[in-house]
Amino acid sequence: MMKTRLLILVSFAISTFFAYSQNVKFYSMNDMYGISMRETASVCKDDNGFIWVSSKTGILRITGNDYRIYQLPYQTLNVLWVK
C-alpha cells in the first residue's frame, strides 16, 4: 500500500515537471531586434530587469523593448601568425 502511494506521488511529480517544462519558450535576440550576435559567453539578468549578454565583440544590454550594444575596441597589437 505504501509503495503504491509512493509510486503515484512520484509519477504525479514527474508528469507535472514535464508539463511545465514543455511551456518554456526561447526567443532569438537576432530575430527580435535585427542584430547579429554570435558565440555568446554568458547571459545574466540584473535586479533592474536588464538582460546582459557578453561576447568577444562586446556587451549587449536588453530591456523590454530596447537594446544597447557596447562594442569593444578591436585592436590587433602584437599579433604573430606562425605556420
N, C-alpha and C. Protein backbone atom coordinates (compact mmCIF):
# COMPACT_ATOMS: atom_id res chain seq x y z
N MET A 1 0.82 -1.19 0.00
CA MET A 1 0.00 0.00 0.00
C MET A 1 0.87 1.26 0.00
N MET A 2 1.91 1.26 0.82
CA MET A 2 2.79 2.41 0.91
C MET A 2 3.57 2.58 -0.39
N LYS A 3 4.00 1.48 -1.00
CA LYS A 3 4.73 1.56 -2.27
C LYS A 3 3.84 2.10 -3.38
N THR A 4 2.57 1.76 -3.37
CA THR A 4 1.63 2.24 -4.38
C THR A 4 1.45 3.75 -4.25
N ARG A 5 1.30 4.24 -3.03
CA ARG A 5 1.16 5.68 -2.82
C ARG A 5 2.42 6.43 -3.25
N LEU A 6 3.57 5.86 -2.93
CA LEU A 6 4.83 6.49 -3.31
C LEU A 6 4.97 6.51 -4.83
N LEU A 7 4.60 5.44 -5.48
CA LEU A 7 4.67 5.36 -6.94
C LEU A 7 3.73 6.38 -7.58
N ILE A 8 2.53 6.52 -7.05
CA ILE A 8 1.57 7.50 -7.57
C ILE A 8 2.09 8.92 -7.37
N LEU A 9 2.66 9.19 -6.20
CA LEU A 9 3.21 10.51 -5.91
C LEU A 9 4.38 10.85 -6.83
N VAL A 10 5.28 9.91 -7.04
CA VAL A 10 6.43 10.14 -7.92
C VAL A 10 5.98 10.33 -9.36
N SER A 11 5.04 9.52 -9.83
CA SER A 11 4.57 9.67 -11.21
C SER A 11 3.84 11.00 -11.39
N PHE A 12 3.11 11.46 -10.40
CA PHE A 12 2.45 12.77 -10.47
C PHE A 12 3.49 13.89 -10.52
N ALA A 13 4.53 13.80 -9.71
CA ALA A 13 5.58 14.82 -9.70
C ALA A 13 6.31 14.87 -11.04
N ILE A 14 6.60 13.72 -11.60
CA ILE A 14 7.30 13.68 -12.89
C ILE A 14 6.42 14.23 -14.00
N SER A 15 5.14 13.86 -14.02
CA SER A 15 4.25 14.37 -15.07
C SER A 15 4.05 15.87 -14.94
N THR A 16 3.99 16.38 -13.71
CA THR A 16 3.87 17.83 -13.50
C THR A 16 5.12 18.55 -13.99
N PHE A 17 6.28 17.98 -13.69
CA PHE A 17 7.54 18.58 -14.13
C PHE A 17 7.60 18.66 -15.65
N PHE A 18 7.25 17.59 -16.34
CA PHE A 18 7.29 17.60 -17.80
C PHE A 18 6.24 18.52 -18.40
N ALA A 19 5.09 18.65 -17.76
CA ALA A 19 4.06 19.56 -18.27
C ALA A 19 4.53 21.01 -18.22
N TYR A 20 5.20 21.39 -17.12
CA TYR A 20 5.70 22.77 -17.01
C TYR A 20 6.93 23.00 -17.87
N SER A 21 7.76 21.99 -18.03
CA SER A 21 8.98 22.19 -18.81
C SER A 21 8.69 22.33 -20.30
N GLN A 22 7.57 21.87 -20.77
CA GLN A 22 7.24 22.00 -22.18
C GLN A 22 6.66 23.37 -22.51
N ASN A 23 6.35 24.18 -21.52
CA ASN A 23 5.82 25.52 -21.75
C ASN A 23 6.89 26.58 -21.87
N VAL A 24 8.15 26.19 -21.77
CA VAL A 24 9.26 27.14 -21.87
C VAL A 24 9.47 27.51 -23.32
N LYS A 25 9.58 28.83 -23.58
CA LYS A 25 9.80 29.30 -24.94
C LYS A 25 11.12 30.05 -25.00
N PHE A 26 11.85 29.85 -26.07
CA PHE A 26 13.09 30.55 -26.30
C PHE A 26 12.92 31.47 -27.50
N TYR A 27 13.45 32.67 -27.40
CA TYR A 27 13.36 33.64 -28.48
C TYR A 27 14.76 34.01 -28.94
N SER A 28 14.90 34.28 -30.22
CA SER A 28 16.18 34.69 -30.78
C SER A 28 16.29 36.20 -30.72
N MET A 29 17.32 36.69 -30.03
CA MET A 29 17.54 38.14 -29.97
C MET A 29 17.86 38.68 -31.35
N ASN A 30 18.54 37.89 -32.15
CA ASN A 30 18.89 38.32 -33.50
C ASN A 30 17.64 38.59 -34.33
N ASP A 31 16.63 37.75 -34.20
CA ASP A 31 15.39 37.94 -34.94
C ASP A 31 14.54 39.06 -34.35
N MET A 32 14.50 39.16 -33.04
CA MET A 32 13.64 40.16 -32.38
C MET A 32 14.13 41.58 -32.60
N TYR A 33 15.44 41.79 -32.54
CA TYR A 33 15.98 43.14 -32.60
C TYR A 33 16.74 43.43 -33.88
N GLY A 34 16.90 42.45 -34.75
CA GLY A 34 17.59 42.67 -36.01
C GLY A 34 19.08 42.88 -35.85
N ILE A 35 19.66 42.24 -34.86
CA ILE A 35 21.10 42.35 -34.64
C ILE A 35 21.76 41.01 -34.93
N SER A 36 23.06 41.01 -35.02
CA SER A 36 23.78 39.77 -35.25
C SER A 36 24.81 39.59 -34.14
N MET A 37 24.52 38.70 -33.22
CA MET A 37 25.46 38.40 -32.13
C MET A 37 25.66 36.91 -32.09
N ARG A 38 26.91 36.50 -32.23
CA ARG A 38 27.24 35.08 -32.24
C ARG A 38 28.19 34.75 -31.11
N GLU A 39 28.23 33.51 -30.77
CA GLU A 39 29.15 32.99 -29.77
C GLU A 39 29.11 33.79 -28.47
N THR A 40 27.98 33.80 -27.82
CA THR A 40 27.87 34.50 -26.55
C THR A 40 28.60 33.71 -25.47
N ALA A 41 29.22 34.43 -24.56
CA ALA A 41 29.97 33.79 -23.48
C ALA A 41 29.10 33.58 -22.25
N SER A 42 28.26 34.58 -21.92
CA SER A 42 27.40 34.44 -20.76
C SER A 42 26.18 35.35 -20.89
N VAL A 43 25.13 34.98 -20.16
CA VAL A 43 23.89 35.76 -20.14
C VAL A 43 23.44 35.84 -18.68
N CYS A 44 23.04 37.04 -18.24
CA CYS A 44 22.52 37.18 -16.88
C CYS A 44 21.48 38.29 -16.85
N LYS A 45 20.69 38.27 -15.80
CA LYS A 45 19.65 39.29 -15.62
C LYS A 45 19.89 39.97 -14.27
N ASP A 46 19.88 41.30 -14.25
CA ASP A 46 20.13 42.01 -13.00
C ASP A 46 18.83 42.34 -12.28
N ASP A 47 18.95 43.00 -11.14
CA ASP A 47 17.78 43.32 -10.31
C ASP A 47 16.86 44.35 -10.95
N ASN A 48 17.36 45.13 -11.92
CA ASN A 48 16.54 46.12 -12.61
C ASN A 48 15.80 45.56 -13.81
N GLY A 49 16.00 44.28 -14.11
CA GLY A 49 15.32 43.64 -15.23
C GLY A 49 16.09 43.68 -16.53
N PHE A 50 17.31 44.24 -16.52
CA PHE A 50 18.14 44.25 -17.72
C PHE A 50 18.74 42.86 -17.94
N ILE A 51 18.78 42.44 -19.20
CA ILE A 51 19.46 41.21 -19.56
C ILE A 51 20.78 41.60 -20.20
N TRP A 52 21.87 41.07 -19.70
CA TRP A 52 23.21 41.38 -20.17
C TRP A 52 23.79 40.14 -20.86
N VAL A 53 24.30 40.34 -22.08
CA VAL A 53 24.88 39.26 -22.86
C VAL A 53 26.30 39.68 -23.23
N SER A 54 27.26 38.81 -22.96
CA SER A 54 28.65 39.14 -23.30
C SER A 54 29.13 38.24 -24.43
N SER A 55 30.00 38.80 -25.26
CA SER A 55 30.61 38.05 -26.34
C SER A 55 32.02 38.61 -26.57
N LYS A 56 32.71 38.08 -27.56
CA LYS A 56 34.06 38.55 -27.86
C LYS A 56 34.07 39.98 -28.39
N THR A 57 32.98 40.40 -29.01
CA THR A 57 32.95 41.71 -29.64
C THR A 57 32.41 42.81 -28.74
N GLY A 58 31.74 42.45 -27.64
CA GLY A 58 31.19 43.47 -26.76
C GLY A 58 30.13 42.94 -25.83
N ILE A 59 29.34 43.85 -25.29
CA ILE A 59 28.29 43.52 -24.33
C ILE A 59 26.98 44.07 -24.86
N LEU A 60 25.93 43.28 -24.76
CA LEU A 60 24.59 43.67 -25.20
C LEU A 60 23.71 43.79 -23.96
N ARG A 61 23.00 44.92 -23.83
CA ARG A 61 22.04 45.13 -22.74
C ARG A 61 20.65 45.18 -23.36
N ILE A 62 19.76 44.33 -22.88
CA ILE A 62 18.41 44.24 -23.42
C ILE A 62 17.42 44.65 -22.34
N THR A 63 16.49 45.52 -22.70
CA THR A 63 15.36 45.85 -21.84
C THR A 63 14.11 45.27 -22.49
N GLY A 64 12.96 45.62 -22.00
CA GLY A 64 11.72 45.07 -22.54
C GLY A 64 11.51 45.34 -24.01
N ASN A 65 11.82 46.54 -24.47
CA ASN A 65 11.56 46.89 -25.87
C ASN A 65 12.75 47.60 -26.54
N ASP A 66 13.91 47.56 -25.92
CA ASP A 66 15.06 48.28 -26.45
C ASP A 66 16.33 47.48 -26.18
N TYR A 67 17.39 47.81 -26.89
CA TYR A 67 18.68 47.18 -26.65
C TYR A 67 19.78 48.21 -26.87
N ARG A 68 20.93 47.95 -26.30
CA ARG A 68 22.10 48.79 -26.48
C ARG A 68 23.32 47.89 -26.54
N ILE A 69 24.17 48.14 -27.54
CA ILE A 69 25.39 47.35 -27.71
C ILE A 69 26.58 48.20 -27.31
N TYR A 70 27.40 47.68 -26.42
CA TYR A 70 28.64 48.32 -26.01
C TYR A 70 29.78 47.55 -26.68
N GLN A 71 30.30 48.11 -27.76
CA GLN A 71 31.32 47.44 -28.55
C GLN A 71 32.69 47.54 -27.87
N LEU A 72 33.46 46.48 -27.95
CA LEU A 72 34.84 46.51 -27.50
C LEU A 72 35.71 47.00 -28.65
N PRO A 73 36.73 47.78 -28.35
CA PRO A 73 37.61 48.24 -29.44
C PRO A 73 38.38 47.06 -30.01
N TYR A 74 38.47 47.02 -31.32
CA TYR A 74 39.17 45.93 -31.99
C TYR A 74 40.59 46.39 -32.29
N GLN A 75 41.53 45.80 -31.59
CA GLN A 75 42.93 46.14 -31.79
C GLN A 75 43.71 44.85 -31.98
N THR A 76 44.64 44.89 -32.89
CA THR A 76 45.46 43.72 -33.15
C THR A 76 46.93 44.06 -32.90
N LEU A 77 47.22 44.50 -31.72
CA LEU A 77 48.60 44.79 -31.37
C LEU A 77 49.33 43.51 -30.99
N ASN A 78 50.56 43.41 -31.43
CA ASN A 78 51.42 42.30 -31.07
C ASN A 78 50.85 40.94 -31.46
N VAL A 79 50.27 40.85 -32.63
CA VAL A 79 49.73 39.59 -33.13
C VAL A 79 50.76 38.96 -34.03
N LEU A 80 51.04 37.70 -33.82
CA LEU A 80 52.04 36.98 -34.59
C LEU A 80 51.40 35.73 -35.16
N TRP A 81 51.47 35.57 -36.49
CA TRP A 81 50.94 34.40 -37.18
C TRP A 81 52.09 33.47 -37.52
N VAL A 82 51.96 32.21 -37.17
CA VAL A 82 53.03 31.24 -37.43
C VAL A 82 52.40 30.03 -38.11
N LYS A 83 53.06 29.56 -39.18
CA LYS A 83 52.60 28.33 -39.84
C LYS A 83 53.35 27.14 -39.30
